[in-house]
PDB file of N, CA and C in Angstrom:
ATOM      1  N   MET A   1      27.225 -65.707  44.730  1.00  0.00           N
ATOM      2  CA  MET A   1      26.822 -64.568  43.946  1.00  0.00           C
ATOM      3  C   MET A   1      27.683 -63.317  44.301  1.00  0.00           C
ATOM      4  N   SER A   2      27.913 -62.554  43.323  1.00  0.00           N
ATOM      5  CA  SER A   2      28.905 -61.483  43.555  1.00  0.00           C
ATOM      6  C   SER A   2      28.138 -60.285  44.206  1.00  0.00           C
ATOM      7  N   ASN A   3      28.969 -59.384  44.730  1.00  0.00           N
ATOM      8  CA  ASN A   3      28.464 -58.342  45.518  1.00  0.00           C
ATOM      9  C   ASN A   3      27.450 -57.505  44.730  1.00  0.00           C
ATOM     10  N   ILE A   4      27.716 -57.218  43.440  1.00  0.00           N
ATOM     11  CA  ILE A   4      26.818 -56.442  42.601  1.00  0.00           C
ATOM     12  C   ILE A   4      25.509 -57.180  42.342  1.00  0.00           C
ATOM     13  N   GLN A   5      25.695 -58.471  42.199  1.00  0.00           N
ATOM     14  CA  GLN A   5      24.366 -59.352  42.098  1.00  0.00           C
ATOM     15  C   GLN A   5      23.566 -59.216  43.275  1.00  0.00           C
ATOM     16  N   ASN A   6      24.125 -59.231  44.503  1.00  0.00           N
ATOM     17  CA  ASN A   6      23.470 -59.109  45.698  1.00  0.00           C
ATOM     18  C   ASN A   6      22.660 -57.815  45.908  1.00  0.00           C
ATOM     19  N   LYS A   7      23.397 -56.762  45.363  1.00  0.00           N
ATOM     20  CA  LYS A   7      22.850 -55.348  45.434  1.00  0.00           C
ATOM     21  C   LYS A   7      21.659 -55.265  44.389  1.00  0.00           C
ATOM     22  N   ILE A   8      21.727 -56.002  43.207  1.00  0.00           N
ATOM     23  CA  ILE A   8      20.623 -55.913  42.316  1.00  0.00           C
ATOM     24  C   ILE A   8      19.468 -56.662  42.865  1.00  0.00           C
ATOM     25  N   GLN A   9      19.743 -57.573  43.623  1.00  0.00           N
ATOM     26  CA  GLN A   9      18.547 -58.353  44.258  1.00  0.00           C
ATOM     27  C   GLN A   9      17.754 -57.582  45.224  1.00  0.00           C
ATOM     28  N   GLU A  10      18.777 -56.826  46.114  1.00  0.00           N
ATOM     29  CA  GLU A  10      18.097 -55.895  47.172  1.00  0.00           C
ATOM     30  C   GLU A  10      17.420 -54.651  46.524  1.00  0.00           C
ATOM     31  N   GLU A  11      17.955 -54.231  45.440  1.00  0.00           N
ATOM     32  CA  GLU A  11      17.198 -53.170  44.825  1.00  0.00           C
ATOM     33  C   GLU A  11      15.846 -53.659  44.030  1.00  0.00           C
ATOM     34  N   LEU A  12      15.908 -54.737  43.517  1.00  0.00           N
ATOM     35  CA  LEU A  12      14.670 -55.349  43.001  1.00  0.00           C
ATOM     36  C   LEU A  12      13.572 -55.500  43.943  1.00  0.00           C
ATOM     37  N   GLU A  13      13.919 -55.992  45.122  1.00  0.00           N
ATOM     38  CA  GLU A  13      12.952 -56.127  46.197  1.00  0.00           C
ATOM     39  C   GLU A  13      12.465 -54.636  46.702  1.00  0.00           C
ATOM     40  N   SER A  14      13.366 -53.869  46.744  1.00  0.00           N
ATOM     41  CA  SER A  14      13.078 -52.449  47.132  1.00  0.00           C
ATOM     42  C   SER A  14      12.024 -51.791  46.100  1.00  0.00           C
ATOM     43  N   ALA A  15      12.205 -52.130  44.817  1.00  0.00           N
ATOM     44  CA  ALA A  15      11.439 -51.474  43.835  1.00  0.00           C
ATOM     45  C   ALA A  15      10.165 -52.104  43.696  1.00  0.00           C
ATOM     46  N   ARG A  16      10.105 -53.401  43.908  1.00  0.00           N
ATOM     47  CA  ARG A  16       8.766 -53.999  44.034  1.00  0.00           C
ATOM     48  C   ARG A  16       7.881 -53.515  45.218  1.00  0.00           C
ATOM     49  N   GLU A  17       8.634 -53.325  46.308  1.00  0.00           N
ATOM     50  CA  GLU A  17       7.958 -52.819  47.539  1.00  0.00           C
ATOM     51  C   GLU A  17       7.412 -51.334  47.279  1.00  0.00           C
ATOM     52  N   ALA A  18       8.259 -50.530  46.734  1.00  0.00           N
ATOM     53  CA  ALA A  18       7.956 -49.269  46.514  1.00  0.00           C
ATOM     54  C   ALA A  18       6.785 -49.078  45.623  1.00  0.00           C
ATOM     55  N   CYS A  19       6.757 -49.939  44.549  1.00  0.00           N
ATOM     56  CA  CYS A  19       5.583 -49.848  43.598  1.00  0.00           C
ATOM     57  C   CYS A  19       4.388 -50.338  44.212  1.00  0.00           C
ATOM     58  N   ASP A  20       4.387 -51.406  45.104  1.00  0.00           N
ATOM     59  CA  ASP A  20       3.245 -51.974  45.842  1.00  0.00           C
ATOM     60  C   ASP A  20       2.740 -50.847  46.679  1.00  0.00           C
ATOM     61  N   THR A  21       3.592 -50.223  47.356  1.00  0.00           N
ATOM     62  CA  THR A  21       3.212 -49.204  48.434  1.00  0.00           C
ATOM     63  C   THR A  21       2.762 -47.947  47.887  1.00  0.00           C
ATOM     64  N   THR A  22       3.457 -47.399  46.849  1.00  0.00           N
ATOM     65  CA  THR A  22       3.082 -46.038  46.357  1.00  0.00           C
ATOM     66  C   THR A  22       2.250 -46.082  45.019  1.00  0.00           C
ATOM     67  N   GLY A  23       2.230 -47.288  44.295  1.00  0.00           N
ATOM     68  CA  GLY A  23       1.581 -47.421  43.062  1.00  0.00           C
ATOM     69  C   GLY A  23       2.590 -47.427  41.897  1.00  0.00           C
ATOM     70  N   ALA A  24       2.246 -48.037  40.875  1.00  0.00           N
ATOM     71  CA  ALA A  24       3.134 -48.221  39.714  1.00  0.00           C
ATOM     72  C   ALA A  24       3.411 -46.995  38.952  1.00  0.00           C
ATOM     73  N   ASP A  25       2.664 -45.941  39.162  1.00  0.00           N
ATOM     74  CA  ASP A  25       2.815 -44.717  38.411  1.00  0.00           C
ATOM     75  C   ASP A  25       3.548 -43.523  39.188  1.00  0.00           C
ATOM     76  N   SER A  26       4.011 -43.977  40.486  1.00  0.00           N
ATOM     77  CA  SER A  26       4.580 -42.955  41.369  1.00  0.00           C
ATOM     78  C   SER A  26       5.980 -42.700  40.971  1.00  0.00           C
ATOM     79  N   LYS A  27       6.484 -41.492  41.475  1.00  0.00           N
ATOM     80  CA  LYS A  27       7.769 -41.144  41.251  1.00  0.00           C
ATOM     81  C   LYS A  27       8.791 -42.012  41.972  1.00  0.00           C
ATOM     82  N   GLU A  28       8.422 -42.538  43.128  1.00  0.00           N
ATOM     83  CA  GLU A  28       9.188 -43.420  43.991  1.00  0.00           C
ATOM     84  C   GLU A  28       9.520 -44.728  43.170  1.00  0.00           C
ATOM     85  N   CYS A  29       8.328 -45.200  42.734  1.00  0.00           N
ATOM     86  CA  CYS A  29       8.452 -46.505  41.928  1.00  0.00           C
ATOM     87  C   CYS A  29       9.375 -46.402  40.722  1.00  0.00           C
ATOM     88  N   ALA A  30       9.285 -45.296  39.974  1.00  0.00           N
ATOM     89  CA  ALA A  30      10.139 -45.074  38.723  1.00  0.00           C
ATOM     90  C   ALA A  30      11.637 -44.894  39.219  1.00  0.00           C
ATOM     91  N   ALA A  31      11.831 -44.221  40.307  1.00  0.00           N
ATOM     92  CA  ALA A  31      13.310 -43.988  40.746  1.00  0.00           C
ATOM     93  C   ALA A  31      13.695 -45.448  41.299  1.00  0.00           C
ATOM     94  N   ALA A  32      12.993 -46.216  41.910  1.00  0.00           N
ATOM     95  CA  ALA A  32      13.499 -47.463  42.424  1.00  0.00           C
ATOM     96  C   ALA A  32      13.859 -48.361  41.203  1.00  0.00           C
ATOM     97  N   TRP A  33      12.993 -48.387  40.112  1.00  0.00           N
ATOM     98  CA  TRP A  33      13.480 -49.112  38.910  1.00  0.00           C
ATOM     99  C   TRP A  33      14.607 -48.545  38.140  1.00  0.00           C
ATOM    100  N   ASP A  34      14.626 -47.326  38.175  1.00  0.00           N
ATOM    101  CA  ASP A  34      15.970 -46.674  37.585  1.00  0.00           C
ATOM    102  C   ASP A  34      17.241 -47.122  38.332  1.00  0.00           C
ATOM    103  N   ALA A  35      17.154 -47.304  39.690  1.00  0.00           N
ATOM    104  CA  ALA A  35      18.320 -47.824  40.416  1.00  0.00           C
ATOM    105  C   ALA A  35      18.644 -49.149  39.991  1.00  0.00           C
ATOM    106  N   VAL A  36      17.565 -50.033  39.785  1.00  0.00           N
ATOM    107  CA  VAL A  36      17.828 -51.358  39.426  1.00  0.00           C
ATOM    108  C   VAL A  36      18.432 -51.323  37.945  1.00  0.00           C
ATOM    109  N   GLU A  37      17.948 -50.630  37.025  1.00  0.00           N
ATOM    110  CA  GLU A  37      18.621 -50.579  35.735  1.00  0.00           C
ATOM    111  C   GLU A  37      20.014 -50.044  35.760  1.00  0.00           C
ATOM    112  N   GLU A  38      20.378 -49.071  36.580  1.00  0.00           N
ATOM    113  CA  GLU A  38      21.744 -48.660  36.632  1.00  0.00           C
ATOM    114  C   GLU A  38      22.605 -49.837  37.099  1.00  0.00           C
ATOM    115  N   LEU A  39      22.235 -50.465  38.079  1.00  0.00           N
ATOM    116  CA  LEU A  39      22.980 -51.480  38.622  1.00  0.00           C
ATOM    117  C   LEU A  39      23.222 -52.642  37.633  1.00  0.00           C
ATOM    118  N   GLN A  40      22.140 -53.040  36.899  1.00  0.00           N
ATOM    119  CA  GLN A  40      22.284 -54.011  35.881  1.00  0.00           C
ATOM    120  C   GLN A  40      23.168 -53.538  34.827  1.00  0.00           C
ATOM    121  N   ALA A  41      23.195 -52.296  34.369  1.00  0.00           N
ATOM    122  CA  ALA A  41      24.043 -51.728  33.329  1.00  0.00           C
ATOM    123  C   ALA A  41      25.472 -51.929  33.873  1.00  0.00           C
ATOM    124  N   GLU A  42      25.771 -51.528  35.194  1.00  0.00           N
ATOM    125  CA  GLU A  42      27.132 -51.645  35.697  1.00  0.00           C
ATOM    126  C   GLU A  42      27.625 -53.086  35.736  1.00  0.00           C
ATOM    127  N   ALA A  43      26.703 -54.026  36.041  1.00  0.00           N
ATOM    128  CA  ALA A  43      27.122 -55.442  36.035  1.00  0.00           C
ATOM    129  C   ALA A  43      27.491 -55.869  34.587  1.00  0.00           C
ATOM    130  N   SER A  44      26.610 -55.401  33.604  1.00  0.00           N
ATOM    131  CA  SER A  44      26.827 -55.773  32.243  1.00  0.00           C
ATOM    132  C   SER A  44      28.281 -55.128  31.849  1.00  0.00           C
ATOM    133  N   HIS A  45      28.552 -53.940  32.196  1.00  0.00           N
ATOM    134  CA  HIS A  45      29.871 -53.329  31.924  1.00  0.00           C
ATOM    135  C   HIS A  45      31.141 -54.056  32.545  1.00  0.00           C
ATOM    136  N   GLN A  46      30.886 -54.535  33.689  1.00  0.00           N
ATOM    137  CA  GLN A  46      31.943 -55.232  34.300  1.00  0.00           C
ATOM    138  C   GLN A  46      32.242 -56.575  33.641  1.00  0.00           C
ATOM    139  N   ARG A  47      31.040 -57.214  33.192  1.00  0.00           N
ATOM    140  CA  ARG A  47      31.265 -58.434  32.354  1.00  0.00           C
ATOM    141  C   ARG A  47      32.048 -58.266  31.114  1.00  0.00           C
ATOM    142  N   GLU A  48      31.829 -57.145  30.353  1.00  0.00           N
ATOM    143  CA  GLU A  48      32.445 -56.926  29.126  1.00  0.00           C
ATOM    144  C   GLU A  48      33.920 -56.543  29.299  1.00  0.00           C
ATOM    145  N   GLU A  49      34.412 -56.049  30.378  1.00  0.00           N
ATOM    146  CA  GLU A  49      35.801 -55.678  30.602  1.00  0.00           C
ATOM    147  C   GLU A  49      36.665 -56.940  30.343  1.00  0.00           C
ATOM    148  N   LYS A  50      37.636 -56.924  29.437  1.00  0.00           N
ATOM    149  CA  LYS A  50      38.461 -58.052  29.213  1.00  0.00           C
ATOM    150  C   LYS A  50      39.722 -57.892  30.117  1.00  0.00           C
ATOM    151  N   PRO A  51      40.149 -59.029  30.623  1.00  0.00           N
ATOM    152  CA  PRO A  51      41.592 -58.864  31.316  1.00  0.00           C
ATOM    153  C   PRO A  51      42.639 -58.546  30.403  1.00  0.00           C
ATOM    154  N   LYS A  52      43.685 -57.851  30.889  1.00  0.00           N
ATOM    155  CA  LYS A  52      44.795 -57.542  29.978  1.00  0.00           C
ATOM    156  C   LYS A  52      45.564 -58.801  29.671  1.00  0.00           C
ATOM    157  N   ASN A  53      46.105 -58.822  28.352  1.00  0.00           N
ATOM    158  CA  ASN A  53      47.099 -59.932  28.174  1.00  0.00           C
ATOM    159  C   ASN A  53      48.381 -59.545  28.580  1.00  0.00           C
ATOM    160  N   SER A  54      49.365 -60.484  28.517  1.00  0.00           N
ATOM    161  CA  SER A  54      50.718 -60.317  29.037  1.00  0.00           C
ATOM    162  C   SER A  54      51.415 -59.151  28.498  1.00  0.00           C
ATOM    163  N   LEU A  55      51.226 -58.966  27.040  1.00  0.00           N
ATOM    164  CA  LEU A  55      51.889 -57.707  26.505  1.00  0.00           C
ATOM    165  C   LEU A  55      51.329 -56.483  26.961  1.00  0.00           C
ATOM    166  N   GLU A  56      50.043 -56.370  27.003  1.00  0.00           N
ATOM    167  CA  GLU A  56      49.315 -55.184  27.598  1.00  0.00           C
ATOM    168  C   GLU A  56      49.909 -54.914  28.930  1.00  0.00           C
ATOM    169  N   GLN A  57      49.897 -55.893  29.788  1.00  0.00           N
ATOM    170  CA  GLN A  57      50.347 -55.693  31.203  1.00  0.00           C
ATOM    171  C   GLN A  57      51.891 -55.189  31.092  1.00  0.00           C
ATOM    172  N   PHE A  58      52.698 -55.852  30.293  1.00  0.00           N
ATOM    173  CA  PHE A  58      54.065 -55.505  30.264  1.00  0.00           C
ATOM    174  C   PHE A  58      54.268 -54.043  29.705  1.00  0.00           C
ATOM    175  N   CYS A  59      53.493 -53.563  28.771  1.00  0.00           N
ATOM    176  CA  CYS A  59      53.502 -52.146  28.272  1.00  0.00           C
ATOM    177  C   CYS A  59      53.018 -51.231  29.247  1.00  0.00           C
ATOM    178  N   ASP A  60      52.008 -51.632  30.234  1.00  0.00           N
ATOM    179  CA  ASP A  60      51.576 -50.735  31.206  1.00  0.00           C
ATOM    180  C   ASP A  60      52.799 -50.535  32.194  1.00  0.00           C
ATOM    181  N   ASP A  61      53.548 -51.604  32.438  1.00  0.00           N
ATOM    182  CA  ASP A  61      54.572 -51.440  33.350  1.00  0.00           C
ATOM    183  C   ASP A  61      55.820 -50.876  32.857  1.00  0.00           C
ATOM    184  N   ASN A  62      56.014 -50.939  31.367  1.00  0.00           N
ATOM    185  CA  ASN A  62      57.257 -50.454  30.689  1.00  0.00           C
ATOM    186  C   ASN A  62      56.866 -49.803  29.582  1.00  0.00           C
ATOM    187  N   PRO A  63      56.345 -48.614  29.534  1.00  0.00           N
ATOM    188  CA  PRO A  63      55.779 -47.936  28.289  1.00  0.00           C
ATOM    189  C   PRO A  63      56.847 -47.430  27.279  1.00  0.00           C
ATOM    190  N   ASP A  64      58.222 -47.415  27.832  1.00  0.00           N
ATOM    191  CA  ASP A  64      59.253 -47.096  26.913  1.00  0.00           C
ATOM    192  C   ASP A  64      59.900 -48.250  26.250  1.00  0.00           C
ATOM    193  N   ALA A  65      59.535 -49.495  26.538  1.00  0.00           N
ATOM    194  CA  ALA A  65      60.109 -50.652  25.860  1.00  0.00           C
ATOM    195  C   ALA A  65      59.773 -50.510  24.346  1.00  0.00           C
ATOM    196  N   ALA A  66      60.767 -51.202  23.617  1.00  0.00           N
ATOM    197  CA  ALA A  66      60.545 -51.285  22.170  1.00  0.00           C
ATOM    198  C   ALA A  66      59.286 -51.950  21.698  1.00  0.00           C
ATOM    199  N   GLU A  67      58.979 -52.995  22.310  1.00  0.00           N
ATOM    200  CA  GLU A  67      57.817 -53.709  22.089  1.00  0.00           C
ATOM    201  C   GLU A  67      56.492 -52.898  22.219  1.00  0.00           C
ATOM    202  N   CYS A  68      56.559 -51.828  22.972  1.00  0.00           N
ATOM    203  CA  CYS A  68      55.429 -51.070  23.216  1.00  0.00           C
ATOM    204  C   CYS A  68      55.320 -49.667  22.414  1.00  0.00           C
ATOM    205  N   ARG A  69      56.216 -49.517  21.502  1.00  0.00           N
ATOM    206  CA  ARG A  69      56.166 -48.259  20.698  1.00  0.00           C
ATOM    207  C   ARG A  69      55.010 -48.300  19.833  1.00  0.00           C
ATOM    208  N   VAL A  70      54.407 -47.089  19.591  1.00  0.00           N
ATOM    209  CA  VAL A  70      53.338 -47.049  18.721  1.00  0.00           C
ATOM    210  C   VAL A  70      53.698 -45.917  17.600  1.00  0.00           C
ATOM    211  N   TYR A  71      53.634 -46.330  16.320  1.00  0.00           N
ATOM    212  CA  TYR A  71      54.046 -45.395  15.435  1.00  0.00           C
ATOM    213  C   TYR A  71      52.725 -44.909  14.610  1.00  0.00           C
ATOM    214  N   ASP A  72      52.768 -43.631  14.305  1.00  0.00           N
ATOM    215  CA  ASP A  72      51.749 -42.924  13.550  1.00  0.00           C
ATOM    216  C   ASP A  72      51.983 -43.026  12.106  1.00  0.00           C
ATOM    217  N   ASP A  73      51.155 -43.330  11.169  1.00  0.00           N
ATOM    218  CA  ASP A  73      51.319 -43.377   9.790  1.00  0.00           C
ATOM    219  C   ASP A  73      51.510 -41.946   9.248  1.00  0.00           C
TER     220      ASP A  73
END
């Protein structure tokens, strides 16, 4: 399991504990679940990022190369 998945599991346990201890309507419970949601959003964002293909990597390393020129219409 990745590091972010481990952190999500830890935050889930903390959120459940906070809600059991302080009540489901407490600010602490809401804040704990907000932390879980933020981590889940970050995990989703990381999955969506595509690795660069060889041309994109080449252009990052050589922005002045002919293959990397961008022309405006």
